[in-house]
Amino acid sequence: MSQSAADIRVVSLLPSATEIVCALGLQKYLVGVSHECDFPVGVADLPLVTNTAIPKGLDSKAIDEKVRELLQTDAALYHLNVDALLALKPTHIVTQALCDVCAVSAAEVEEVACRLPGNPQIVNLEPMSLQQVLDTFTLLGSATQRESEAASVVQVLQARVDTIAERSAAIEDKSRPRVAMLEWIDPLFNAGHWTPELVAMAGGIDCLGNLKQPSVSLTENALLEAQPDVLFVALCGFDLARTELDLPLLERLPGWADLPCVRNGRVYYTDGNAYFSRAGPRLVESLEILAQALHPEVHPASLSGGIAKVWK
């Protein structure tokens, strides 16, 4: 027998999943979220079911070192609040197995779910491309009996993607800048997964990224060797203000002052916490932000509020 909508109780263990849940019209059925969920308005007031092993106040290098330490010892970066989860009695738990740095481990979720009443359904999201991100709406819609809502949301998002792609198709190869996308500065990390795809759709050539592959750490010489025409910084988990604290670290990199992107004043940054690293509805807005930064004469500014700021 199918479950009625009124019986649904959803717990989301990552911010992108929370945004997808809400985009499908399920916010009133969302009963618990992760400690990082902050959008849309109201979700941060819900009970928190996760916590982090990363101390507050660390600089970027110290955060990276702590993450590496925990991963090497198989210690978890994030933990479930089992008591909170038991009290919430979820029917659906939305999580991911894509990145050990981004959420509670899939194994821990499975283990705890076995102890919950009612055998809650685990919906595991692990997209590596933009299309796979859109597919997660369909997956979650099917799991929660929101198939038609999911189809409508995907149709709108796909239309926005198609608009950018069609505009970019008219850009000549010689006019496509070489773009370096960074999701961390100390140390350098490229932006992988879907990001190289977004760069291509926006009218650029990604000179660092691994298409549909995880992000990887880079040497300090990576930008010098790549000679990017544009540098775009979207630091994972950092908003604009926190990103601005790290931007001066770029100046210590070999050959920084002579990079084409620096000479031409094309070093951009945005809110990486809201965009690019979140595999949800605002990933399409990320594409629009990037396209407008690369080719403002072709792509008008995003109407939804996201921006790319020029550094220096």
C-alpha atoms as a PDB file:
ATOM      1  CA  MET A   1       0.000   0.000   0.000  1.00  0.00           C
ATOM      2  CA  SER A   2       1.401   3.386  -0.946  1.00  0.00           C
ATOM      3  CA  GLN A   3       2.223   5.910   1.711  1.00  0.00           C
ATOM      4  CA  SER A   4       0.057   9.028   1.808  1.00  0.00           C
ATOM      5  CA  ALA A   5       1.727  12.422   1.599  1.00  0.00           C
ATOM      6  CA  ALA A   6       0.475  13.286   5.075  1.00  0.00           C
ATOM      7  CA  ASP A   7       2.471  10.390   6.510  1.00  0.00           C
ATOM      8  CA  ILE A   8       5.801  11.490   5.040  1.00  0.00           C
ATOM      9  CA  ARG A   9       8.482  12.630   7.480  1.00  0.00           C
ATOM     10  CA  VAL A  10      11.739  13.561   5.759  1.00  0.00           C
ATOM     11  CA  VAL A  11      15.175  13.991   7.299  1.00  0.00           C
ATOM     12  CA  SER A  12      17.887  15.521   5.106  1.00  0.00           C
ATOM     13  CA  LEU A  13      21.551  14.952   5.885  1.00  0.00           C
ATOM     14  CA  LEU A  14      23.049  17.496   3.483  1.00  0.00           C
ATOM     15  CA  PRO A  15      22.232  21.037   2.324  1.00  0.00           C
ATOM     16  CA  SER A  16      21.711  20.211  -1.367  1.00  0.00           C
ATOM     17  CA  ALA A  17      19.203  17.504  -0.482  1.00  0.00           C
ATOM     18  CA  THR A  18      17.334  19.942   1.750  1.00  0.00           C
ATOM     19  CA  GLU A  19      17.034  22.369  -1.155  1.00  0.00           C
ATOM     20  CA  ILE A  20      15.732  19.606  -3.425  1.00  0.00           C
ATOM     21  CA  VAL A  21      13.194  18.498  -0.826  1.00  0.00           C
ATOM     22  CA  CYS A  22      11.900  22.052  -0.563  1.00  0.00           C
ATOM     23  CA  ALA A  23      11.875  22.569  -4.333  1.00  0.00           C
ATOM     24  CA  LEU A  24       9.527  19.586  -4.590  1.00  0.00           C
ATOM     25  CA  GLY A  25       7.077  21.237  -2.194  1.00  0.00           C
ATOM     26  CA  LEU A  26       7.974  19.012   0.746  1.00  0.00           C
ATOM     27  CA  GLN A  27       9.275  21.603   3.190  1.00  0.00           C
ATOM     28  CA  LYS A  28       6.337  21.116   5.551  1.00  0.00           C
ATOM     29  CA  TYR A  29       7.200  17.409   5.701  1.00  0.00           C
ATOM     30  CA  LEU A  30      10.862  18.091   6.492  1.00  0.00           C
ATOM     31  CA  VAL A  31      11.352  17.246  10.171  1.00  0.00           C
ATOM     32  CA  GLY A  32      15.151  17.257  10.584  1.00  0.00           C
ATOM     33  CA  VAL A  33      18.246  18.583   8.814  1.00  0.00           C
ATOM     34  CA  SER A  34      22.031  18.598   9.004  1.00  0.00           C
ATOM     35  CA  HIS A  35      23.983  21.220  10.935  1.00  0.00           C
ATOM     36  CA  GLU A  36      24.957  22.814   7.598  1.00  0.00           C
ATOM     37  CA  CYS A  37      21.467  23.200   6.120  1.00  0.00           C
ATOM     38  CA  ASP A  38      20.652  26.900   5.846  1.00  0.00           C
ATOM     39  CA  PHE A  39      18.442  27.375   2.771  1.00  0.00           C
ATOM     40  CA  PRO A  40      15.624  28.069   2.082  1.00  0.00           C
ATOM     41  CA  VAL A  41      14.404  30.255   4.928  1.00  0.00           C
ATOM     42  CA  GLY A  42      13.088  28.257   7.846  1.00  0.00           C
ATOM     43  CA  VAL A  43      15.054  25.027   7.505  1.00  0.00           C
ATOM     44  CA  ALA A  44      17.769  26.154   9.917  1.00  0.00           C
ATOM     45  CA  ASP A  45      15.135  26.226  12.685  1.00  0.00           C
ATOM     46  CA  LEU A  46      14.440  22.496  12.357  1.00  0.00           C
ATOM     47  CA  PRO A  47      16.008  19.894  14.673  1.00  0.00           C
ATOM     48  CA  LEU A  48      19.633  19.126  13.797  1.00  0.00           C
ATOM     49  CA  VAL A  49      20.552  15.475  13.356  1.00  0.00           C
ATOM     50  CA  THR A  50      24.275  15.810  12.583  1.00  0.00           C
ATOM     51  CA  ASN A  51      27.363  17.402  14.063  1.00  0.00           C
ATOM     52  CA  THR A  52      30.925  17.854  12.879  1.00  0.00           C
ATOM     53  CA  ALA A  53      34.322  16.741  14.119  1.00  0.00           C
ATOM     54  CA  ILE A  54      35.941  19.841  12.602  1.00  0.00           C
ATOM     55  CA  PRO A  55      36.495  22.497  15.315  1.00  0.00           C
ATOM     56  CA  LYS A  56      35.230  25.990  14.638  1.00  0.00           C
ATOM     57  CA  GLY A  57      37.617  28.850  13.948  1.00  0.00           C
ATOM     58  CA  LEU A  58      40.297  26.932  12.038  1.00  0.00           C
ATOM     59  CA  ASP A  59      41.966  28.535   9.035  1.00  0.00           C
ATOM     60  CA  SER A  60      41.762  26.804   5.658  1.00  0.00           C
ATOM     61  CA  LYS A  61      45.080  24.998   5.940  1.00  0.00           C
ATOM     62  CA  ALA A  62      44.192  23.672   9.386  1.00  0.00           C
ATOM     63  CA  ILE A  63      40.786  22.528   8.140  1.00  0.00           C
ATOM     64  CA  ASP A  64      42.434  20.625   5.292  1.00  0.00           C
ATOM     65  CA  GLU A  65      44.938  19.023   7.661  1.00  0.00           C
ATOM     66  CA  LYS A  66      42.170  17.963  10.057  1.00  0.00           C
ATOM     67  CA  VAL A  67      40.117  16.476   7.237  1.00  0.00           C
ATOM     68  CA  ARG A  68      43.110  14.518   5.923  1.00  0.00           C
ATOM     69  CA  GLU A  69      43.892  13.268   9.428  1.00  0.00           C
ATOM     70  CA  LEU A  70      40.365  12.005   9.972  1.00  0.00           C
ATOM     71  CA  LEU A  71      40.132  10.382   6.549  1.00  0.00           C
ATOM     72  CA  GLN A  72      43.472   8.598   6.989  1.00  0.00           C
ATOM     73  CA  THR A  73      42.386   7.113  10.298  1.00  0.00           C
ATOM     74  CA  ASP A  74      38.909   6.199   8.986  1.00  0.00           C
ATOM     75  CA  ALA A  75      37.420   8.493  11.600  1.00  0.00           C
ATOM     76  CA  ALA A  76      34.154  10.154  10.650  1.00  0.00           C
ATOM     77  CA  LEU A  77      34.026  13.870   9.854  1.00  0.00           C
ATOM     78  CA  TYR A  78      30.334  14.023  10.629  1.00  0.00           C
ATOM     79  CA  HIS A  79      28.212  12.096  13.101  1.00  0.00           C
ATOM     80  CA  LEU A  80      24.532  11.386  13.417  1.00  0.00           C
ATOM     81  CA  ASN A  81      22.643  12.470  16.494  1.00  0.00           C
ATOM     82  CA  VAL A  82      20.980   9.105  16.970  1.00  0.00           C
ATOM     83  CA  ASP A  83      18.688  10.182  19.794  1.00  0.00           C
ATOM     84  CA  ALA A  84      17.368  13.087  17.731  1.00  0.00           C
ATOM     85  CA  LEU A  85      16.843  10.836  14.744  1.00  0.00           C
ATOM     86  CA  LEU A  86      14.987   8.259  16.834  1.00  0.00           C
ATOM     87  CA  ALA A  87      12.693  10.969  18.208  1.00  0.00           C
ATOM     88  CA  LEU A  88      11.859  12.302  14.746  1.00  0.00           C
ATOM     89  CA  LYS A  89      10.705   8.908  13.381  1.00  0.00           C
ATOM     90  CA  PRO A  90      11.509   9.700   9.733  1.00  0.00           C
ATOM     91  CA  THR A  91       9.936   7.789   6.872  1.00  0.00           C
ATOM     92  CA  HIS A  92      12.658   8.986   4.471  1.00  0.00           C
ATOM     93  CA  ILE A  93      16.326   9.823   5.052  1.00  0.00           C
ATOM     94  CA  VAL A  94      18.038  11.686   2.220  1.00  0.00           C
ATOM     95  CA  THR A  95      21.821  11.355   2.143  1.00  0.00           C
ATOM     96  CA  GLN A  96      24.777  10.800  -0.195  1.00  0.00           C
ATOM     97  CA  ALA A  97      27.759   8.515  -0.703  1.00  0.00           C
ATOM     98  CA  LEU A  98      29.575  10.792  -3.124  1.00  0.00           C
ATOM     99  CA  CYS A  99      32.020  12.608  -0.853  1.00  0.00           C
ATOM    100  CA  ASP A 100      33.352  11.607   2.571  1.00  0.00           C
ATOM    101  CA  VAL A 101      34.007  15.279   3.337  1.00  0.00           C
ATOM    102  CA  CYS A 102      30.431  16.415   2.695  1.00  0.00           C
ATOM    103  CA  ALA A 103      28.157  14.356   4.920  1.00  0.00           C
ATOM    104  CA  VAL A 104      27.732  11.452   7.309  1.00  0.00           C
ATOM    105  CA  SER A 105      29.100   8.192   5.896  1.00  0.00           C
ATOM    106  CA  ALA A 106      26.621   5.999   4.069  1.00  0.00           C
ATOM    107  CA  ALA A 107      27.585   3.064   6.294  1.00  0.00           C
ATOM    108  CA  GLU A 108      26.650   4.956   9.459  1.00  0.00           C
ATOM    109  CA  VAL A 109      23.326   6.021   7.963  1.00  0.00           C
ATOM    110  CA  GLU A 110      22.521   2.417   7.028  1.00  0.00           C
ATOM    111  CA  GLU A 111      23.472   1.168  10.484  1.00  0.00           C
ATOM    112  CA  VAL A 112      21.354   3.735  12.314  1.00  0.00           C
ATOM    113  CA  ALA A 113      18.389   3.348   9.943  1.00  0.00           C
ATOM    114  CA  CYS A 114      18.152  -0.325  10.900  1.00  0.00           C
ATOM    115  CA  ARG A 115      17.443   0.777  14.464  1.00  0.00           C
ATOM    116  CA  LEU A 116      14.673   3.226  13.556  1.00  0.00           C
ATOM    117  CA  PRO A 117      10.996   2.299  13.720  1.00  0.00           C
ATOM    118  CA  GLY A 118       9.121   1.756  10.494  1.00  0.00           C
ATOM    119  CA  ASN A 119      12.142   0.879   8.339  1.00  0.00           C
ATOM    120  CA  PRO A 120      12.663   4.367   6.831  1.00  0.00           C
ATOM    121  CA  GLN A 121      13.602   4.568   3.157  1.00  0.00           C
ATOM    122  CA  ILE A 122      17.136   5.810   2.495  1.00  0.00           C
ATOM    123  CA  VAL A 123      17.373   7.945  -0.633  1.00  0.00           C
ATOM    124  CA  ASN A 124      21.016   8.143  -1.654  1.00  0.00           C
ATOM    125  CA  LEU A 125      22.030  10.995  -3.950  1.00  0.00           C
ATOM    126  CA  GLU A 126      25.442  10.840  -5.645  1.00  0.00           C
ATOM    127  CA  PRO A 127      25.426  12.854  -8.890  1.00  0.00           C
ATOM    128  CA  MET A 128      28.655  13.506 -10.803  1.00  0.00           C
ATOM    129  CA  SER A 129      27.225  15.607 -13.650  1.00  0.00           C
ATOM    130  CA  LEU A 130      24.603  18.293 -14.146  1.00  0.00           C
ATOM    131  CA  GLN A 131      22.227  15.804 -15.738  1.00  0.00           C
ATOM    132  CA  GLN A 132      22.653  13.474 -12.803  1.00  0.00           C
ATOM    133  CA  VAL A 133      21.871  16.357 -10.457  1.00  0.00           C
ATOM    134  CA  LEU A 134      18.598  16.895 -12.322  1.00  0.00           C
ATOM    135  CA  ASP A 135      17.962  13.156 -12.114  1.00  0.00           C
ATOM    136  CA  THR A 136      18.095  13.369  -8.310  1.00  0.00           C
ATOM    137  CA  PHE A 137      14.912  15.468  -8.390  1.00  0.00           C
ATOM    138  CA  THR A 138      13.197  12.639 -10.247  1.00  0.00           C
ATOM    139  CA  LEU A 139      14.607  10.047  -7.836  1.00  0.00           C
ATOM    140  CA  LEU A 140      13.453  11.919  -4.741  1.00  0.00           C
ATOM    141  CA  GLY A 141      10.126  12.772  -6.363  1.00  0.00           C
ATOM    142  CA  SER A 142       9.509   9.092  -7.022  1.00  0.00           C
ATOM    143  CA  ALA A 143      10.448   8.143  -3.452  1.00  0.00           C
ATOM    144  CA  THR A 144       8.043  10.710  -1.977  1.00  0.00           C
ATOM    145  CA  GLN A 145       5.184  10.482  -4.492  1.00  0.00           C
ATOM    146  CA  ARG A 146       6.024  13.849  -5.992  1.00  0.00           C
ATOM    147  CA  GLU A 147       6.624  12.667  -9.554  1.00  0.00           C
ATOM    148  CA  SER A 148       4.664  15.444 -11.240  1.00  0.00           C
ATOM    149  CA  GLU A 149       6.229  18.144  -9.048  1.00  0.00           C
ATOM    150  CA  ALA A 150       9.686  16.770  -9.825  1.00  0.00           C
ATOM    151  CA  ALA A 151       8.963  16.740 -13.554  1.00  0.00           C
ATOM    152  CA  SER A 152       7.829  20.374 -13.431  1.00  0.00           C
ATOM    153  CA  VAL A 153      10.883  21.524 -11.474  1.00  0.00           C
ATOM    154  CA  VAL A 154      13.259  19.674 -13.792  1.00  0.00           C
ATOM    155  CA  GLN A 155      11.536  21.149 -16.853  1.00  0.00           C
ATOM    156  CA  VAL A 156      12.047  24.691 -15.572  1.00  0.00           C
ATOM    157  CA  LEU A 157      15.675  24.074 -14.598  1.00  0.00           C
ATOM    158  CA  GLN A 158      16.446  22.343 -17.895  1.00  0.00           C
ATOM    159  CA  ALA A 159      14.999  25.279 -19.832  1.00  0.00           C
ATOM    160  CA  ARG A 160      17.377  27.641 -18.015  1.00  0.00           C
ATOM    161  CA  VAL A 161      20.313  25.342 -18.749  1.00  0.00           C
ATOM    162  CA  ASP A 162      19.318  25.127 -22.426  1.00  0.00           C
ATOM    163  CA  THR A 163      19.125  28.912 -22.666  1.00  0.00           C
ATOM    164  CA  ILE A 164      22.731  29.273 -21.490  1.00  0.00           C
ATOM    165  CA  ALA A 165      23.961  26.443 -23.709  1.00  0.00           C
ATOM    166  CA  GLU A 166      22.254  27.869 -26.785  1.00  0.00           C
ATOM    167  CA  ARG A 167      23.738  31.320 -26.236  1.00  0.00           C
ATOM    168  CA  SER A 168      27.200  29.868 -25.658  1.00  0.00           C
ATOM    169  CA  ALA A 169      27.003  27.752 -28.804  1.00  0.00           C
ATOM    170  CA  ALA A 170      27.418  30.931 -30.858  1.00  0.00           C
ATOM    171  CA  ILE A 171      30.713  31.856 -29.138  1.00  0.00           C
ATOM    172  CA  GLU A 172      33.723  31.184 -31.363  1.00  0.00           C
ATOM    173  CA  ASP A 173      36.472  28.918 -30.064  1.00  0.00           C
ATOM    174  CA  LYS A 174      38.994  31.763 -30.112  1.00  0.00           C
ATOM    175  CA  SER A 175      36.744  33.781 -27.818  1.00  0.00           C
ATOM    176  CA  ARG A 176      36.445  31.044 -25.181  1.00  0.00           C
ATOM    177  CA  PRO A 177      38.740  31.847 -22.221  1.00  0.00           C
ATOM    178  CA  ARG A 178      40.811  29.251 -20.400  1.00  0.00           C
ATOM    179  CA  VAL A 179      39.202  29.032 -16.979  1.00  0.00           C
ATOM    180  CA  ALA A 180      40.670  27.763 -13.707  1.00  0.00           C
ATOM    181  CA  MET A 181      38.012  26.890 -11.128  1.00  0.00           C
ATOM    182  CA  LEU A 182      39.142  26.609  -7.500  1.00  0.00           C
ATOM    183  CA  GLU A 183      37.110  25.186  -4.614  1.00  0.00           C
ATOM    184  CA  TRP A 184      39.895  25.598  -2.022  1.00  0.00           C
ATOM    185  CA  ILE A 185      42.963  27.858  -1.787  1.00  0.00           C
ATOM    186  CA  ASP A 186      45.124  26.574   1.074  1.00  0.00           C
ATOM    187  CA  PRO A 187      46.060  24.130  -0.356  1.00  0.00           C
ATOM    188  CA  LEU A 188      44.797  24.528  -3.909  1.00  0.00           C
ATOM    189  CA  PHE A 189      41.975  22.257  -5.007  1.00  0.00           C
ATOM    190  CA  ASN A 190      40.383  22.266  -8.434  1.00  0.00           C
ATOM    191  CA  ALA A 191      36.608  22.099  -8.746  1.00  0.00           C
ATOM    192  CA  GLY A 192      35.662  18.733 -10.251  1.00  0.00           C
ATOM    193  CA  HIS A 193      32.416  16.785 -10.622  1.00  0.00           C
ATOM    194  CA  TRP A 194      29.982  18.876 -12.694  1.00  0.00           C
ATOM    195  CA  THR A 195      32.045  22.085 -12.678  1.00  0.00           C
ATOM    196  CA  PRO A 196      34.075  21.502 -15.903  1.00  0.00           C
ATOM    197  CA  GLU A 197      30.748  20.849 -17.616  1.00  0.00           C
ATOM    198  CA  LEU A 198      29.379  24.163 -16.337  1.00  0.00           C
ATOM    199  CA  VAL A 199      32.491  25.945 -17.616  1.00  0.00           C
ATOM    200  CA  ALA A 200      31.992  24.518 -21.107  1.00  0.00           C
ATOM    201  CA  MET A 201      28.284  25.415 -21.124  1.00  0.00           C
ATOM    202  CA  ALA A 202      29.140  28.939 -19.992  1.00  0.00           C
ATOM    203  CA  GLY A 203      31.514  29.432 -22.915  1.00  0.00           C
ATOM    204  CA  GLY A 204      34.879  28.626 -21.362  1.00  0.00           C
ATOM    205  CA  ILE A 205      37.573  25.955 -21.410  1.00  0.00           C
ATOM    206  CA  ASP A 206      38.334  24.374 -18.037  1.00  0.00           C
ATOM    207  CA  CYS A 207      42.107  24.087 -17.746  1.00  0.00           C
ATOM    208  CA  LEU A 208      42.220  22.324 -14.349  1.00  0.00           C
ATOM    209  CA  GLY A 209      39.112  20.277 -13.742  1.00  0.00           C
ATOM    210  CA  ASN A 210      38.411  16.592 -14.066  1.00  0.00           C
ATOM    211  CA  LEU A 211      35.094  16.135 -15.830  1.00  0.00           C
ATOM    212  CA  LYS A 212      32.703  14.016 -13.736  1.00  0.00           C
ATOM    213  CA  GLN A 213      35.534  13.168 -11.334  1.00  0.00           C
ATOM    214  CA  PRO A 214      36.142  14.261  -7.730  1.00  0.00           C
ATOM    215  CA  SER A 215      38.112  17.402  -7.004  1.00  0.00           C
ATOM    216  CA  VAL A 216      41.832  16.895  -6.420  1.00  0.00           C
ATOM    217  CA  SER A 217      44.573  18.831  -4.699  1.00  0.00           C
ATOM    218  CA  LEU A 218      46.976  20.776  -6.909  1.00  0.00           C
ATOM    219  CA  THR A 219      50.590  21.846  -6.647  1.00  0.00           C
ATOM    220  CA  GLU A 220      51.430  25.480  -6.000  1.00  0.00           C
ATOM    221  CA  ASN A 221      52.627  25.648  -9.628  1.00  0.00           C
ATOM    222  CA  ALA A 222      49.296  24.543 -11.077  1.00  0.00           C
ATOM    223  CA  LEU A 223      48.077  28.025 -12.019  1.00  0.00           C
ATOM    224  CA  LEU A 224      51.470  29.031 -13.370  1.00  0.00           C
ATOM    225  CA  GLU A 225      51.459  25.966 -15.611  1.00  0.00           C
ATOM    226  CA  ALA A 226      47.822  26.417 -16.685  1.00  0.00           C
ATOM    227  CA  GLN A 227      48.067  30.162 -17.465  1.00  0.00           C
ATOM    228  CA  PRO A 228      44.305  30.737 -17.099  1.00  0.00           C
ATOM    229  CA  ASP A 229      42.636  33.710 -18.754  1.00  0.00           C
ATOM    230  CA  VAL A 230      40.028  33.634 -15.978  1.00  0.00           C
ATOM    231  CA  LEU A 231      40.285  32.450 -12.393  1.00  0.00           C
ATOM    232  CA  PHE A 232      36.985  31.685 -10.681  1.00  0.00           C
ATOM    233  CA  VAL A 233      36.981  30.963  -6.948  1.00  0.00           C
ATOM    234  CA  ALA A 234      34.020  29.185  -5.333  1.00  0.00           C
ATOM    235  CA  LEU A 235      35.283  27.834  -2.028  1.00  0.00           C
ATOM    236  CA  CYS A 236      33.420  24.803  -0.755  1.00  0.00           C
ATOM    237  CA  GLY A 237      31.431  25.687   2.362  1.00  0.00           C
ATOM    238  CA  PHE A 238      32.535  29.353   2.445  1.00  0.00           C
ATOM    239  CA  ASP A 239      30.331  32.398   1.888  1.00  0.00           C
ATOM    240  CA  LEU A 240      31.564  35.643   0.341  1.00  0.00           C
ATOM    241  CA  ALA A 241      32.919  37.127   3.561  1.00  0.00           C
ATOM    242  CA  ARG A 242      34.844  33.987   4.511  1.00  0.00           C
ATOM    243  CA  THR A 243      36.159  33.614   0.957  1.00  0.00           C
ATOM    244  CA  GLU A 244      37.503  37.160   1.011  1.00  0.00           C
ATOM    245  CA  LEU A 245      39.717  36.235   3.970  1.00  0.00           C
ATOM    246  CA  ASP A 246      41.497  33.603   1.875  1.00  0.00           C
ATOM    247  CA  LEU A 247      41.838  35.467  -1.422  1.00  0.00           C
ATOM    248  CA  PRO A 248      45.101  37.252  -0.432  1.00  0.00           C
ATOM    249  CA  LEU A 249      46.713  33.807  -0.094  1.00  0.00           C
ATOM    250  CA  LEU A 250      46.656  33.577  -3.873  1.00  0.00           C
ATOM    251  CA  GLU A 251      49.289  36.294  -4.130  1.00  0.00           C
ATOM    252  CA  ARG A 252      51.948  33.984  -2.696  1.00  0.00           C
ATOM    253  CA  LEU A 253      51.591  31.512  -5.577  1.00  0.00           C
ATOM    254  CA  PRO A 254      54.475  31.240  -8.095  1.00  0.00           C
ATOM    255  CA  GLY A 255      54.120  33.697 -10.976  1.00  0.00           C
ATOM    256  CA  TRP A 256      50.866  35.125  -9.612  1.00  0.00           C
ATOM    257  CA  ALA A 257      51.327  38.705 -10.788  1.00  0.00           C
ATOM    258  CA  ASP A 258      52.086  37.591 -14.350  1.00  0.00           C
ATOM    259  CA  LEU A 259      49.118  35.260 -14.820  1.00  0.00           C
ATOM    260  CA  PRO A 260      46.815  36.373 -17.665  1.00  0.00           C
ATOM    261  CA  CYS A 261      43.815  36.375 -15.314  1.00  0.00           C
ATOM    262  CA  VAL A 262      45.603  38.730 -12.926  1.00  0.00           C
ATOM    263  CA  ARG A 263      46.990  41.062 -15.606  1.00  0.00           C
ATOM    264  CA  ASN A 264      43.531  41.377 -17.164  1.00  0.00           C
ATOM    265  CA  GLY A 265      41.615  41.780 -13.898  1.00  0.00           C
ATOM    266  CA  ARG A 266      39.622  38.594 -14.365  1.00  0.00           C
ATOM    267  CA  VAL A 267      39.806  36.968 -10.949  1.00  0.00           C
ATOM    268  CA  TYR A 268      36.243  36.322  -9.813  1.00  0.00           C
ATOM    269  CA  TYR A 269      34.785  34.846  -6.657  1.00  0.00           C
ATOM    270  CA  THR A 270      31.344  33.924  -5.426  1.00  0.00           C
ATOM    271  CA  ASP A 271      29.528  32.337  -2.501  1.00  0.00           C
ATOM    272  CA  GLY A 272      30.770  28.770  -2.793  1.00  0.00           C
ATOM    273  CA  ASN A 273      28.588  27.668   0.099  1.00  0.00           C
ATOM    274  CA  ALA A 274      25.448  28.561  -1.826  1.00  0.00           C
ATOM    275  CA  TYR A 275      26.631  27.826  -5.358  1.00  0.00           C
ATOM    276  CA  PHE A 276      28.758  25.328  -7.309  1.00  0.00           C
ATOM    277  CA  SER A 277      29.366  22.875  -4.470  1.00  0.00           C
ATOM    278  CA  ARG A 278      25.660  22.308  -3.773  1.00  0.00           C
ATOM    279  CA  ALA A 279      24.211  19.726  -6.127  1.00  0.00           C
ATOM    280  CA  GLY A 280      20.690  21.117  -5.977  1.00  0.00           C
ATOM    281  CA  PRO A 281      18.489  23.671  -7.740  1.00  0.00           C
ATOM    282  CA  ARG A 282      20.996  26.501  -7.284  1.00  0.00           C
ATOM    283  CA  LEU A 283      23.545  24.635  -9.391  1.00  0.00           C
ATOM    284  CA  VAL A 284      21.659  26.006 -12.396  1.00  0.00           C
ATOM    285  CA  GLU A 285      22.005  29.470 -10.946  1.00  0.00           C
ATOM    286  CA  SER A 286      25.724  28.727 -10.582  1.00  0.00           C
ATOM    287  CA  LEU A 287      25.861  28.134 -14.327  1.00  0.00           C
ATOM    288  CA  GLU A 288      24.145  31.472 -14.938  1.00  0.00           C
ATOM    289  CA  ILE A 289      26.547  33.288 -12.604  1.00  0.00           C
ATOM    290  CA  LEU A 290      29.568  31.770 -14.343  1.00  0.00           C
ATOM    291  CA  ALA A 291      28.246  32.450 -17.833  1.00  0.00           C
ATOM    292  CA  GLN A 292      27.608  36.096 -17.030  1.00  0.00           C
ATOM    293  CA  ALA A 293      31.124  36.472 -15.620  1.00  0.00           C
ATOM    294  CA  LEU A 294      32.782  34.856 -18.645  1.00  0.00           C
ATOM    295  CA  HIS A 295      30.698  36.509 -21.372  1.00  0.00           C
ATOM    296  CA  PRO A 296      28.632  39.431 -20.038  1.00  0.00           C
ATOM    297  CA  GLU A 297      27.974  40.565 -23.601  1.00  0.00           C
ATOM    298  CA  VAL A 298      26.271  37.237 -24.347  1.00  0.00           C
ATOM    299  CA  HIS A 299      24.731  36.292 -21.008  1.00  0.00           C
ATOM    300  CA  PRO A 300      22.813  38.936 -19.034  1.00  0.00           C
ATOM    301  CA  ALA A 301      23.114  38.972 -15.258  1.00  0.00           C
ATOM    302  CA  SER A 302      21.236  36.289 -13.347  1.00  0.00           C
ATOM    303  CA  LEU A 303      17.823  37.501 -12.255  1.00  0.00           C
ATOM    304  CA  SER A 304      17.859  35.301  -9.170  1.00  0.00           C
ATOM    305  CA  GLY A 305      20.398  37.250  -7.145  1.00  0.00           C
ATOM    306  CA  GLY A 306      23.618  35.250  -7.352  1.00  0.00           C
ATOM    307  CA  ILE A 307      26.737  37.221  -8.248  1.00  0.00           C
ATOM    308  CA  ALA A 308      30.368  36.863  -9.168  1.00  0.00           C
ATOM    309  CA  LYS A 309      32.558  39.603  -7.695  1.00  0.00           C
ATOM    310  CA  VAL A 310      35.828  40.796  -9.179  1.00  0.00           C
ATOM    311  CA  TRP A 311      38.825  40.626  -6.857  1.00  0.00           C
ATOM    312  CA  LYS A 312      41.130  43.598  -7.288  1.00  0.00           C
END
